Structure formats: structure tokens, C-alpha cells
């Protein structure tokens, strides 16, 4: 299976990919356990905190049911660091030739971000057709995805940015949307309070947001 097919399989596992910011390493494993127990088994740990890479390592060791990826890849060296941590896929908010080159050097698949038709064309030239629309709402949301679908039938998206429980279903109803990324299933206040049962309930609710048949 090539990287594109691998990524497609990952994106199809659940309707929502939790976008996770881990500030305390002790939260990593119970958070992953709660999300997976709720039915969200694909997790994106963002490179926004000093413990992000260690959090990925901990999740990979302790929660084999999880597919753990790394988000906010913004520099080429992040790819090697993510590989060392055991990341199984990567996500970035945008795409440059340097990031694309780094992505080809790792064994796991890469979901680059785009915001405009011009950026989508560049991504396709660099070999990517599975994309993150980011920031989705600011980029035009539902209307932009509908317009993209008519012009770029081969592109499929995981929109992220401004996605909530209230609007996720609208995005998932679009034929060119494979899943959505969202942070509402891992609220910082719940994580700080250790409310893993509450996070599991949010994940169970999100997992029911299946795409229409």
C-alpha cells in the first residue's frame, strides 16, 4: 500500500480526528485511552508544546489501538523528529517544497494544508491529493469546499479550523470531505480536571457523526 492509500485508510477510520494540544505529559495516555474508548482512534498531537513528541511516544507505547499522528509540522526537521517519536502520519497547516521533500523522506503519510485553489494546484504538482483545508471556516467553509469539489474532483479534504460539534455534520455531508479535524473533543479544561469520562462521552458523540451512506 502506498502512502496515499495508507492515508486514505487512516482518514476513513473515524469521522473526527481530535486535534490535541498536550501541555502536561501525564495527560497523554489517559487522553488517548478516553478518545479511543469513545471511538476516535486517529489522533493528531500538535507540535505546539515542549512535551508533544514525548506525548506521541507515550501514546504509541501505551495505547496500541490509537493511530497517532503529529500536527503543526512547519519545518523540515520536524519530520525526522516525528519519526523518532513514532508518529504514524503527519499534518501541516500549509505546504512548501521543503516540507514536501521532507515528507518524501519518511515512511509515513503526510496531509498538507491548503487554503486557496492556487495552493491546491501547487499541492497536486508536488504529488498530494489528500489535503487539509485550513483554516476551514476562514477559507470559506462549506461554500469553498463545494466550489473546490466542482473544479478539483480528485482532491479530498480533512477540513480543520473552526469546526465544532454544531457544524461538523454539514462538512461531513460533502462528498469531497473524508473527515474533519476538531479540538472540541479534548477541551483543555476537561484535560486539566482529569475528566476522562467526559472526554470519552464527547468522543462517543463525535464518532456517531458518520458520513451519509
N, C-alpha and C. Protein backbone atom coordinates (compact mmCIF):
# COMPACT_ATOMS: atom_id res chain seq x y z
N UNK A 1 0.85 -1.20 0.00
CA UNK A 1 0.00 0.00 0.00
C UNK A 1 0.88 1.26 0.00
N UNK A 2 0.64 2.18 -0.94
CA UNK A 2 1.44 3.40 -0.98
C UNK A 2 0.97 4.40 0.10
N UNK A 3 1.69 5.48 0.22
CA UNK A 3 1.39 6.43 1.29
C UNK A 3 0.01 7.06 1.13
N UNK A 4 -0.39 7.32 -0.10
CA UNK A 4 -1.70 7.92 -0.32
C UNK A 4 -2.81 6.98 0.11
N UNK A 5 -2.68 5.71 -0.24
CA UNK A 5 -3.69 4.73 0.16
C UNK A 5 -3.69 4.54 1.68
N UNK A 6 -2.51 4.56 2.28
CA UNK A 6 -2.42 4.44 3.74
C UNK A 6 -3.12 5.62 4.41
N UNK A 7 -2.87 6.81 3.91
CA UNK A 7 -3.51 7.99 4.48
C UNK A 7 -5.01 7.95 4.28
N UNK A 8 -5.45 7.50 3.12
CA UNK A 8 -6.88 7.41 2.86
C UNK A 8 -7.54 6.47 3.88
N UNK A 9 -6.88 5.36 4.17
CA UNK A 9 -7.41 4.42 5.16
C UNK A 9 -7.46 5.03 6.54
N UNK A 10 -6.45 5.82 6.88
CA UNK A 10 -6.43 6.50 8.19
C UNK A 10 -7.58 7.49 8.29
N UNK A 11 -7.77 8.28 7.25
CA UNK A 11 -8.81 9.31 7.29
C UNK A 11 -10.21 8.71 7.31
N UNK A 12 -10.34 7.47 6.89
CA UNK A 12 -11.65 6.82 6.86
C UNK A 12 -11.98 6.11 8.18
N UNK A 13 -11.05 6.07 9.10
CA UNK A 13 -11.28 5.30 10.33
C UNK A 13 -12.35 5.90 11.22
N UNK A 14 -12.44 7.23 11.23
CA UNK A 14 -13.42 7.90 12.10
C UNK A 14 -13.80 9.23 11.48
N UNK A 15 -15.00 9.74 11.77
CA UNK A 15 -15.42 10.99 11.15
C UNK A 15 -14.69 12.22 11.69
N UNK A 16 -14.12 12.11 12.88
CA UNK A 16 -13.45 13.25 13.51
C UNK A 16 -12.05 12.83 13.95
N UNK A 17 -11.06 13.64 13.60
CA UNK A 17 -9.70 13.48 14.12
C UNK A 17 -9.50 14.52 15.21
N UNK A 18 -9.34 14.10 16.46
CA UNK A 18 -9.09 15.07 17.52
C UNK A 18 -7.76 15.79 17.28
N UNK A 19 -7.80 17.12 17.35
CA UNK A 19 -6.60 17.94 17.26
C UNK A 19 -6.20 18.27 18.69
N UNK A 20 -5.10 17.68 19.14
CA UNK A 20 -4.76 17.64 20.56
C UNK A 20 -3.57 18.55 20.86
N UNK A 21 -3.72 19.35 21.91
CA UNK A 21 -2.62 20.13 22.46
C UNK A 21 -2.33 19.57 23.85
N UNK A 22 -1.20 18.90 24.01
CA UNK A 22 -0.85 18.29 25.29
C UNK A 22 0.14 19.19 26.02
N UNK A 23 -0.30 19.78 27.11
CA UNK A 23 0.57 20.64 27.91
C UNK A 23 1.26 19.88 29.04
N UNK A 24 0.63 18.81 29.51
CA UNK A 24 1.20 18.00 30.59
C UNK A 24 1.33 16.58 30.11
N UNK A 25 2.54 16.05 30.17
CA UNK A 25 2.81 14.71 29.65
C UNK A 25 1.94 13.66 30.34
N UNK A 26 1.62 13.86 31.58
CA UNK A 26 0.80 12.90 32.32
C UNK A 26 -0.60 12.75 31.72
N UNK A 27 -1.02 13.73 30.93
CA UNK A 27 -2.35 13.66 30.31
C UNK A 27 -2.37 12.80 29.05
N UNK A 28 -1.22 12.54 28.46
CA UNK A 28 -1.17 11.93 27.12
C UNK A 28 -1.87 10.58 27.07
N UNK A 29 -1.49 9.66 27.94
CA UNK A 29 -2.04 8.30 27.87
C UNK A 29 -3.51 8.24 28.24
N UNK A 30 -3.93 8.84 29.38
CA UNK A 30 -5.37 8.78 29.68
C UNK A 30 -6.23 9.49 28.64
N UNK A 31 -5.70 10.52 28.01
CA UNK A 31 -6.45 11.19 26.95
C UNK A 31 -6.62 10.27 25.76
N UNK A 32 -5.53 9.64 25.32
CA UNK A 32 -5.61 8.71 24.19
C UNK A 32 -6.54 7.55 24.50
N UNK A 33 -6.48 7.05 25.72
CA UNK A 33 -7.36 5.94 26.11
C UNK A 33 -8.82 6.36 26.06
N UNK A 34 -9.12 7.56 26.55
CA UNK A 34 -10.50 8.03 26.57
C UNK A 34 -11.04 8.24 25.15
N UNK A 35 -10.24 8.84 24.30
CA UNK A 35 -10.68 9.10 22.93
C UNK A 35 -10.89 7.80 22.16
N UNK A 36 -9.95 6.86 22.31
CA UNK A 36 -10.10 5.58 21.62
C UNK A 36 -11.30 4.80 22.15
N UNK A 37 -11.51 4.83 23.46
CA UNK A 37 -12.66 4.14 24.04
C UNK A 37 -13.96 4.71 23.51
N UNK A 38 -13.94 5.99 23.17
CA UNK A 38 -15.13 6.62 22.62
C UNK A 38 -15.30 6.40 21.13
N UNK A 39 -14.32 5.80 20.48
CA UNK A 39 -14.45 5.50 19.06
C UNK A 39 -13.63 6.37 18.13
N UNK A 40 -12.84 7.30 18.67
CA UNK A 40 -11.97 8.14 17.85
C UNK A 40 -10.55 7.62 17.99
N UNK A 41 -10.11 6.83 17.04
CA UNK A 41 -8.83 6.13 17.17
C UNK A 41 -7.69 6.78 16.40
N UNK A 42 -7.98 7.84 15.65
CA UNK A 42 -6.93 8.57 14.93
C UNK A 42 -6.72 9.90 15.66
N UNK A 43 -5.51 10.11 16.15
CA UNK A 43 -5.23 11.26 17.00
C UNK A 43 -4.12 12.11 16.39
N UNK A 44 -4.31 13.42 16.38
CA UNK A 44 -3.30 14.35 15.90
C UNK A 44 -2.76 15.15 17.08
N UNK A 45 -1.52 14.89 17.45
CA UNK A 45 -0.87 15.61 18.55
C UNK A 45 -0.08 16.76 17.95
N UNK A 46 -0.45 17.98 18.26
CA UNK A 46 0.19 19.13 17.63
C UNK A 46 1.55 19.44 18.25
N UNK A 47 2.45 19.92 17.41
CA UNK A 47 3.79 20.30 17.85
C UNK A 47 3.77 21.72 18.42
N UNK A 48 2.90 21.95 19.37
CA UNK A 48 2.77 23.30 19.92
C UNK A 48 3.28 23.40 21.35
N UNK A 49 3.69 22.29 21.92
CA UNK A 49 4.15 22.31 23.31
C UNK A 49 5.47 21.54 23.42
N UNK A 50 6.25 21.80 24.47
CA UNK A 50 7.53 21.11 24.63
C UNK A 50 7.41 19.60 24.83
N UNK A 51 6.24 19.11 25.25
CA UNK A 51 6.10 17.68 25.54
C UNK A 51 5.42 16.92 24.41
N UNK A 52 5.18 17.57 23.28
CA UNK A 52 4.40 16.93 22.20
C UNK A 52 5.03 15.63 21.73
N UNK A 53 6.32 15.62 21.48
CA UNK A 53 6.97 14.42 20.96
C UNK A 53 6.96 13.30 22.00
N UNK A 54 7.20 13.65 23.25
CA UNK A 54 7.13 12.63 24.31
C UNK A 54 5.71 12.10 24.47
N UNK A 55 4.73 12.97 24.25
CA UNK A 55 3.34 12.53 24.33
C UNK A 55 3.04 11.49 23.25
N UNK A 56 3.56 11.72 22.04
CA UNK A 56 3.38 10.75 20.96
C UNK A 56 4.02 9.42 21.34
N UNK A 57 5.25 9.47 21.86
CA UNK A 57 5.91 8.24 22.28
C UNK A 57 5.09 7.48 23.32
N UNK A 58 4.57 8.22 24.29
CA UNK A 58 3.80 7.59 25.36
C UNK A 58 2.52 6.97 24.83
N UNK A 59 1.83 7.68 23.94
CA UNK A 59 0.60 7.14 23.37
C UNK A 59 0.87 5.89 22.55
N UNK A 60 1.93 5.90 21.77
CA UNK A 60 2.25 4.74 20.94
C UNK A 60 2.54 3.51 21.80
N UNK A 61 3.27 3.72 22.90
CA UNK A 61 3.62 2.59 23.77
C UNK A 61 2.41 2.04 24.50
N UNK A 62 1.56 2.93 25.01
CA UNK A 62 0.51 2.52 25.95
C UNK A 62 -0.85 2.25 25.30
N UNK A 63 -1.09 2.81 24.10
CA UNK A 63 -2.43 2.71 23.51
C UNK A 63 -2.29 2.18 22.07
N UNK A 64 -2.12 0.87 21.93
CA UNK A 64 -1.90 0.32 20.59
C UNK A 64 -3.10 0.48 19.66
N UNK A 65 -4.28 0.73 20.20
CA UNK A 65 -5.46 0.92 19.35
C UNK A 65 -5.43 2.26 18.62
N UNK A 66 -4.60 3.17 19.08
CA UNK A 66 -4.56 4.52 18.51
C UNK A 66 -3.63 4.58 17.30
N UNK A 67 -4.04 5.35 16.30
CA UNK A 67 -3.16 5.76 15.21
C UNK A 67 -2.75 7.19 15.53
N UNK A 68 -1.50 7.37 15.89
CA UNK A 68 -1.04 8.65 16.44
C UNK A 68 -0.23 9.41 15.41
N UNK A 69 -0.71 10.58 15.06
CA UNK A 69 -0.01 11.44 14.13
C UNK A 69 0.48 12.70 14.79
N UNK A 70 1.26 13.45 14.04
CA UNK A 70 1.81 14.70 14.56
C UNK A 70 1.30 15.85 13.70
N UNK A 71 0.87 16.91 14.36
CA UNK A 71 0.36 18.08 13.65
C UNK A 71 1.26 19.28 13.81
N UNK A 72 0.92 20.32 13.06
CA UNK A 72 1.67 21.58 13.06
C UNK A 72 3.12 21.37 12.66
N UNK A 73 3.33 20.54 11.64
CA UNK A 73 4.66 20.39 11.06
C UNK A 73 4.94 21.62 10.21
N UNK A 74 5.87 22.44 10.64
CA UNK A 74 6.14 23.70 9.93
C UNK A 74 7.58 23.83 9.45
N UNK A 75 8.45 22.89 9.84
CA UNK A 75 9.85 22.94 9.41
C UNK A 75 10.28 21.55 8.97
N UNK A 76 11.16 21.46 7.99
CA UNK A 76 11.58 20.14 7.50
C UNK A 76 12.12 19.23 8.60
N UNK A 77 12.84 19.78 9.57
CA UNK A 77 13.42 18.94 10.62
C UNK A 77 12.37 18.31 11.52
N UNK A 78 11.15 18.86 11.50
CA UNK A 78 10.08 18.27 12.30
C UNK A 78 9.77 16.84 11.87
N UNK A 79 9.98 16.53 10.59
CA UNK A 79 9.62 15.20 10.08
C UNK A 79 10.50 14.12 10.71
N UNK A 80 11.80 14.37 10.77
CA UNK A 80 12.69 13.39 11.39
C UNK A 80 12.40 13.26 12.88
N UNK A 81 12.12 14.39 13.53
CA UNK A 81 11.78 14.35 14.95
C UNK A 81 10.52 13.53 15.19
N UNK A 82 9.52 13.73 14.33
CA UNK A 82 8.27 12.99 14.46
C UNK A 82 8.48 11.50 14.22
N UNK A 83 9.33 11.15 13.27
CA UNK A 83 9.64 9.75 13.01
C UNK A 83 10.27 9.11 14.24
N UNK A 84 11.21 9.81 14.85
CA UNK A 84 11.88 9.28 16.04
C UNK A 84 10.88 9.06 17.18
N UNK A 85 9.84 9.88 17.22
CA UNK A 85 8.83 9.75 18.27
C UNK A 85 7.80 8.66 17.98
N UNK A 86 7.81 8.14 16.75
CA UNK A 86 6.88 7.07 16.41
C UNK A 86 5.61 7.53 15.73
N UNK A 87 5.60 8.73 15.20
CA UNK A 87 4.39 9.24 14.54
C UNK A 87 4.03 8.34 13.36
N UNK A 88 2.71 8.18 13.15
CA UNK A 88 2.23 7.32 12.08
C UNK A 88 1.66 8.09 10.89
N UNK A 89 1.48 9.38 11.04
CA UNK A 89 1.14 10.27 9.94
C UNK A 89 1.47 11.68 10.39
N UNK A 90 1.50 12.62 9.43
CA UNK A 90 1.82 14.00 9.75
C UNK A 90 0.87 14.96 9.08
N UNK A 91 0.70 16.12 9.70
CA UNK A 91 -0.22 17.15 9.22
C UNK A 91 0.46 18.50 9.35
N UNK A 92 0.27 19.36 8.35
CA UNK A 92 0.79 20.71 8.45
C UNK A 92 -0.28 21.72 8.06
N UNK A 93 -0.13 22.97 8.52
CA UNK A 93 -1.11 24.00 8.17
C UNK A 93 -0.95 24.54 6.76
N UNK A 94 0.18 24.27 6.14
CA UNK A 94 0.44 24.73 4.78
C UNK A 94 1.42 23.80 4.11
N UNK A 95 1.93 24.20 2.96
CA UNK A 95 2.85 23.34 2.21
C UNK A 95 3.89 24.19 1.49
N UNK A 96 5.15 23.74 1.59
CA UNK A 96 6.25 24.35 0.84
C UNK A 96 7.02 23.22 0.15
N UNK A 97 7.83 23.54 -0.87
CA UNK A 97 8.65 22.49 -1.48
C UNK A 97 9.56 21.79 -0.48
N UNK A 98 10.07 22.53 0.51
CA UNK A 98 10.95 21.92 1.51
C UNK A 98 10.19 20.93 2.37
N UNK A 99 8.96 21.26 2.75
CA UNK A 99 8.15 20.33 3.53
C UNK A 99 7.80 19.10 2.70
N UNK A 100 7.47 19.31 1.44
CA UNK A 100 7.15 18.18 0.56
C UNK A 100 8.34 17.24 0.43
N UNK A 101 9.54 17.82 0.29
CA UNK A 101 10.74 16.99 0.17
C UNK A 101 10.98 16.20 1.45
N UNK A 102 10.78 16.83 2.59
CA UNK A 102 10.94 16.14 3.88
C UNK A 102 9.93 15.02 4.02
N UNK A 103 8.72 15.25 3.53
CA UNK A 103 7.67 14.23 3.63
C UNK A 103 8.03 12.99 2.83
N UNK A 104 8.74 13.15 1.74
CA UNK A 104 9.11 12.01 0.92
C UNK A 104 10.24 11.19 1.55
N UNK A 105 10.88 11.74 2.58
CA UNK A 105 11.99 11.04 3.24
C UNK A 105 11.54 10.18 4.41
N UNK A 106 10.27 10.28 4.81
CA UNK A 106 9.78 9.48 5.94
C UNK A 106 8.87 8.37 5.43
N UNK A 107 8.64 7.39 6.30
CA UNK A 107 7.87 6.21 5.90
C UNK A 107 6.37 6.40 6.02
N UNK A 108 5.93 7.44 6.74
CA UNK A 108 4.51 7.61 7.00
C UNK A 108 3.91 8.69 6.09
N UNK A 109 2.58 8.67 5.93
CA UNK A 109 1.93 9.61 5.01
C UNK A 109 1.76 11.01 5.60
N UNK A 110 1.56 11.96 4.72
CA UNK A 110 1.56 13.38 5.08
C UNK A 110 0.31 14.05 4.51
N UNK A 111 -0.35 14.82 5.37
CA UNK A 111 -1.55 15.57 4.99
C UNK A 111 -1.22 17.06 5.03
N UNK A 112 -0.90 17.67 3.90
CA UNK A 112 -0.54 19.08 3.90
C UNK A 112 -1.77 19.99 3.87
N UNK A 113 -1.60 21.18 4.40
CA UNK A 113 -2.69 22.14 4.42
C UNK A 113 -2.70 23.05 3.21
N UNK A 114 -3.90 23.39 2.76
CA UNK A 114 -4.10 24.38 1.70
C UNK A 114 -5.26 25.27 2.09
N UNK A 115 -5.29 26.46 1.49
CA UNK A 115 -6.37 27.40 1.79
C UNK A 115 -7.03 27.94 0.52
N UNK A 116 -6.31 27.91 -0.59
CA UNK A 116 -6.80 28.52 -1.83
C UNK A 116 -6.66 27.55 -3.00
N UNK A 117 -7.35 27.82 -4.12
CA UNK A 117 -7.17 26.99 -5.32
C UNK A 117 -5.72 26.97 -5.80
N UNK A 118 -5.05 28.10 -5.70
CA UNK A 118 -3.65 28.14 -6.13
C UNK A 118 -2.78 27.22 -5.29
N UNK A 119 -3.01 27.21 -3.98
CA UNK A 119 -2.25 26.31 -3.12
C UNK A 119 -2.59 24.85 -3.41
N UNK A 120 -3.84 24.59 -3.75
CA UNK A 120 -4.24 23.22 -4.09
C UNK A 120 -3.52 22.77 -5.36
N UNK A 121 -3.43 23.64 -6.35
CA UNK A 121 -2.71 23.30 -7.58
C UNK A 121 -1.25 22.98 -7.29
N UNK A 122 -0.63 23.79 -6.42
CA UNK A 122 0.76 23.53 -6.06
C UNK A 122 0.91 22.20 -5.34
N UNK A 123 -0.05 21.90 -4.45
CA UNK A 123 0.00 20.62 -3.73
C UNK A 123 -0.11 19.45 -4.70
N UNK A 124 -1.00 19.56 -5.67
CA UNK A 124 -1.14 18.49 -6.65
C UNK A 124 0.13 18.32 -7.47
N UNK A 125 0.78 19.42 -7.82
CA UNK A 125 2.03 19.34 -8.57
C UNK A 125 3.11 18.63 -7.76
N UNK A 126 3.03 18.75 -6.44
CA UNK A 126 4.00 18.11 -5.56
C UNK A 126 3.59 16.70 -5.18
N UNK A 127 2.45 16.24 -5.71
CA UNK A 127 2.06 14.85 -5.53
C UNK A 127 1.03 14.57 -4.46
N UNK A 128 0.32 15.61 -3.98
CA UNK A 128 -0.63 15.42 -2.89
C UNK A 128 -2.06 15.71 -3.35
N UNK A 129 -2.96 14.77 -3.11
CA UNK A 129 -4.37 14.97 -3.44
C UNK A 129 -5.28 14.86 -2.22
N UNK A 130 -4.76 14.34 -1.11
CA UNK A 130 -5.49 14.33 0.16
C UNK A 130 -4.96 15.49 0.97
N UNK A 131 -5.85 16.41 1.33
CA UNK A 131 -5.40 17.71 1.84
C UNK A 131 -6.20 18.14 3.07
N UNK A 132 -5.58 18.99 3.84
CA UNK A 132 -6.25 19.64 4.97
C UNK A 132 -6.64 21.05 4.52
N UNK A 133 -7.94 21.36 4.54
CA UNK A 133 -8.34 22.74 4.29
C UNK A 133 -8.21 23.49 5.61
N UNK A 134 -7.33 24.48 5.64
CA UNK A 134 -7.05 25.18 6.89
C UNK A 134 -6.71 26.65 6.63
N UNK A 135 -7.22 27.54 7.47
CA UNK A 135 -8.29 27.33 8.44
C UNK A 135 -9.63 27.27 7.71
N UNK A 136 -10.37 26.19 7.94
CA UNK A 136 -11.51 25.86 7.09
C UNK A 136 -12.56 26.96 7.05
N UNK A 137 -12.98 27.44 8.19
CA UNK A 137 -14.05 28.44 8.20
C UNK A 137 -13.58 29.74 7.56
N UNK A 138 -12.39 30.17 7.90
CA UNK A 138 -11.86 31.42 7.34
C UNK A 138 -11.59 31.30 5.84
N UNK A 139 -11.35 30.07 5.37
CA UNK A 139 -11.10 29.85 3.94
C UNK A 139 -12.37 29.80 3.12
N UNK A 140 -13.51 29.83 3.77
CA UNK A 140 -14.77 29.81 3.05
C UNK A 140 -15.69 28.68 3.43
N UNK A 141 -15.20 27.77 4.27
CA UNK A 141 -16.04 26.72 4.83
C UNK A 141 -16.75 25.86 3.79
N UNK A 142 -18.04 25.64 4.03
CA UNK A 142 -18.84 24.79 3.17
C UNK A 142 -18.83 25.27 1.72
N UNK A 143 -18.99 26.58 1.54
CA UNK A 143 -19.03 27.13 0.20
C UNK A 143 -17.73 26.91 -0.56
N UNK A 144 -16.60 27.08 0.11
CA UNK A 144 -15.32 26.87 -0.55
C UNK A 144 -15.14 25.40 -0.93
N UNK A 145 -15.52 24.49 -0.05
CA UNK A 145 -15.38 23.07 -0.36
C UNK A 145 -16.28 22.65 -1.53
N UNK A 146 -17.48 23.20 -1.59
CA UNK A 146 -18.34 22.90 -2.73
C UNK A 146 -17.72 23.41 -4.02
N UNK A 147 -17.17 24.61 -3.99
CA UNK A 147 -16.54 25.16 -5.18
C UNK A 147 -15.31 24.36 -5.58
N UNK A 148 -14.50 23.97 -4.59
CA UNK A 148 -13.32 23.16 -4.87
C UNK A 148 -13.73 21.82 -5.50
N UNK A 149 -14.82 21.24 -5.00
CA UNK A 149 -15.25 19.94 -5.49
C UNK A 149 -15.60 19.95 -6.97
N UNK A 150 -16.17 21.04 -7.44
CA UNK A 150 -16.56 21.09 -8.84
C UNK A 150 -15.37 21.28 -9.77
N UNK A 151 -14.29 21.87 -9.26
CA UNK A 151 -13.11 22.16 -10.09
C UNK A 151 -12.02 21.12 -9.92
N UNK A 152 -11.93 20.56 -8.71
CA UNK A 152 -10.86 19.60 -8.39
C UNK A 152 -11.49 18.29 -7.92
N UNK A 153 -12.05 17.50 -8.83
CA UNK A 153 -12.77 16.28 -8.42
C UNK A 153 -11.88 15.22 -7.79
N UNK A 154 -10.57 15.30 -8.01
CA UNK A 154 -9.67 14.28 -7.47
C UNK A 154 -9.17 14.61 -6.07
N UNK A 155 -9.47 15.81 -5.58
CA UNK A 155 -8.99 16.21 -4.26
C UNK A 155 -10.01 15.86 -3.19
N UNK A 156 -9.51 15.41 -2.04
CA UNK A 156 -10.36 15.12 -0.88
C UNK A 156 -9.75 15.80 0.34
N UNK A 157 -10.61 16.14 1.29
CA UNK A 157 -10.19 17.04 2.36
C UNK A 157 -10.51 16.53 3.76
N UNK A 158 -9.69 17.00 4.69
CA UNK A 158 -9.99 16.96 6.11
C UNK A 158 -9.99 18.42 6.58
N UNK A 159 -11.14 19.10 6.51
CA UNK A 159 -11.17 20.50 6.93
C UNK A 159 -10.95 20.62 8.44
N UNK A 160 -10.18 21.61 8.82
CA UNK A 160 -9.84 21.86 10.22
C UNK A 160 -9.75 23.35 10.44
N UNK A 161 -10.21 23.78 11.60
CA UNK A 161 -10.18 25.21 11.91
C UNK A 161 -11.58 25.79 11.90
N UNK A 162 -12.12 25.99 13.10
CA UNK A 162 -13.49 26.49 13.20
C UNK A 162 -14.54 25.39 13.10
N UNK A 163 -14.11 24.12 13.13
CA UNK A 163 -15.06 23.01 13.10
C UNK A 163 -15.51 22.73 14.53
N UNK A 164 -16.81 22.58 14.71
CA UNK A 164 -17.37 22.33 16.04
C UNK A 164 -18.40 21.21 15.95
N UNK A 165 -18.90 20.81 17.10
CA UNK A 165 -19.95 19.79 17.11
C UNK A 165 -21.17 20.28 16.33
N UNK A 166 -21.41 21.58 16.36
CA UNK A 166 -22.60 22.13 15.72
C UNK A 166 -22.53 22.10 14.19
N UNK A 167 -21.33 22.26 13.63
CA UNK A 167 -21.25 22.35 12.17
C UNK A 167 -20.53 21.17 11.51
N UNK A 168 -20.00 20.24 12.31
CA UNK A 168 -19.23 19.13 11.74
C UNK A 168 -20.06 18.31 10.77
N UNK A 169 -21.32 18.08 11.09
CA UNK A 169 -22.17 17.27 10.21
C UNK A 169 -22.34 17.88 8.83
N UNK A 170 -22.40 19.20 8.75
CA UNK A 170 -22.52 19.87 7.45
C UNK A 170 -21.30 19.61 6.59
N UNK A 171 -20.12 19.65 7.20
CA UNK A 171 -18.90 19.38 6.46
C UNK A 171 -18.84 17.92 6.02
N UNK A 172 -19.18 17.01 6.93
CA UNK A 172 -19.10 15.59 6.62
C UNK A 172 -20.07 15.17 5.53
N UNK A 173 -21.13 15.95 5.32
CA UNK A 173 -22.11 15.63 4.27
C UNK A 173 -21.57 15.91 2.87
N UNK A 174 -20.46 16.62 2.76
CA UNK A 174 -19.90 16.95 1.44
C UNK A 174 -19.14 15.75 0.87
N UNK A 175 -19.29 15.47 -0.41
CA UNK A 175 -18.66 14.29 -0.98
C UNK A 175 -17.14 14.36 -1.00
N UNK A 176 -16.55 15.56 -0.98
CA UNK A 176 -15.09 15.66 -1.01
C UNK A 176 -14.48 15.82 0.37
N UNK A 177 -15.26 15.59 1.42
CA UNK A 177 -14.76 15.64 2.79
C UNK A 177 -14.71 14.22 3.34
N UNK A 178 -13.52 13.78 3.74
CA UNK A 178 -13.35 12.44 4.27
C UNK A 178 -13.58 12.39 5.78
N UNK A 179 -13.18 13.43 6.46
CA UNK A 179 -13.33 13.54 7.91
C UNK A 179 -13.07 14.99 8.25
N UNK A 180 -13.22 15.34 9.51
CA UNK A 180 -12.91 16.70 9.95
C UNK A 180 -11.95 16.62 11.12
N UNK A 181 -11.18 17.69 11.30
CA UNK A 181 -10.33 17.82 12.47
C UNK A 181 -10.97 18.78 13.44
N UNK A 182 -10.95 18.42 14.73
CA UNK A 182 -11.58 19.29 15.71
C UNK A 182 -10.97 19.15 17.09
N UNK A 183 -10.98 20.23 17.82
CA UNK A 183 -10.42 20.22 19.18
C UNK A 183 -11.50 20.14 20.25
N UNK A 184 -12.77 20.18 19.85
CA UNK A 184 -13.83 20.22 20.86
C UNK A 184 -13.94 18.92 21.64
N UNK A 185 -13.37 17.83 21.13
CA UNK A 185 -13.46 16.55 21.83
C UNK A 185 -12.39 16.40 22.92
N UNK A 186 -11.47 17.34 23.00
CA UNK A 186 -10.43 17.29 24.03
C UNK A 186 -10.26 18.68 24.64
N UNK A 187 -11.30 19.17 25.34
CA UNK A 187 -11.23 20.54 25.89
C UNK A 187 -10.13 20.67 26.95
N UNK A 188 -9.35 21.74 26.91
CA UNK A 188 -8.29 21.92 27.90
C UNK A 188 -8.79 21.86 29.34
N UNK A 189 -9.97 22.41 29.60
CA UNK A 189 -10.48 22.40 30.97
C UNK A 189 -10.73 20.98 31.45
N UNK A 190 -11.29 20.14 30.58
CA UNK A 190 -11.54 18.74 30.95
C UNK A 190 -10.22 17.99 31.16
N UNK A 191 -9.25 18.27 30.30
CA UNK A 191 -7.95 17.62 30.45
C UNK A 191 -7.30 18.02 31.78
N UNK A 192 -7.35 19.30 32.09
CA UNK A 192 -6.75 19.78 33.32
C UNK A 192 -7.43 19.16 34.54
N UNK A 193 -8.74 18.97 34.44
CA UNK A 193 -9.51 18.40 35.56
C UNK A 193 -9.41 16.87 35.60
N UNK A 194 -8.82 16.26 34.59
CA UNK A 194 -8.75 14.81 34.54
C UNK A 194 -10.10 14.16 34.31
N UNK A 195 -10.98 14.86 33.59
CA UNK A 195 -12.32 14.35 33.33
C UNK A 195 -12.29 13.45 32.09
N UNK A 196 -11.68 12.28 32.25
CA UNK A 196 -11.52 11.39 31.10
C UNK A 196 -12.85 10.77 30.70
N UNK A 197 -13.74 10.57 31.66
CA UNK A 197 -15.07 10.05 31.33
C UNK A 197 -15.84 11.05 30.48
N UNK A 198 -15.70 12.34 30.79
CA UNK A 198 -16.36 13.36 29.99
C UNK A 198 -15.81 13.43 28.59
N UNK A 199 -14.49 13.28 28.45
CA UNK A 199 -13.88 13.28 27.12
C UNK A 199 -14.29 12.04 26.33
N UNK A 200 -14.40 10.91 27.02
CA UNK A 200 -14.87 9.71 26.34
C UNK A 200 -16.29 9.93 25.81
N UNK A 201 -17.14 10.58 26.58
CA UNK A 201 -18.52 10.84 26.14
C UNK A 201 -18.53 11.76 24.92
N UNK A 202 -17.66 12.78 24.92
CA UNK A 202 -17.57 13.67 23.75
C UNK A 202 -17.11 12.89 22.52
N UNK A 203 -16.16 11.98 22.72
CA UNK A 203 -15.67 11.17 21.61
C UNK A 203 -16.76 10.25 21.08
N UNK A 204 -17.53 9.64 21.99
CA UNK A 204 -18.62 8.76 21.55
C UNK A 204 -19.64 9.53 20.71
N UNK A 205 -19.94 10.74 21.14
CA UNK A 205 -20.87 11.58 20.39
C UNK A 205 -20.31 11.92 19.03
N UNK A 206 -19.02 12.30 18.97
CA UNK A 206 -18.39 12.66 17.70
C UNK A 206 -18.30 11.47 16.77
N UNK A 207 -18.05 10.30 17.32
CA UNK A 207 -17.92 9.10 16.49
C UNK A 207 -19.23 8.73 15.80
N UNK A 208 -20.33 9.21 16.34
CA UNK A 208 -21.64 8.95 15.72
C UNK A 208 -21.93 9.88 14.54
N UNK A 209 -21.04 10.84 14.31
CA UNK A 209 -21.23 11.76 13.19
C UNK A 209 -20.76 11.10 11.89
N UNK A 210 -21.36 9.97 11.59
CA UNK A 210 -20.94 9.22 10.40
C UNK A 210 -21.35 9.97 9.13
N UNK A 211 -20.53 9.79 8.10
CA UNK A 211 -20.87 10.37 6.81
C UNK A 211 -22.13 9.69 6.26
N UNK A 212 -22.94 10.42 5.51
CA UNK A 212 -24.12 9.80 4.89
C UNK A 212 -23.73 8.66 3.97
N UNK A 213 -24.59 7.65 3.90
CA UNK A 213 -24.30 6.50 3.02
C UNK A 213 -24.38 6.91 1.56
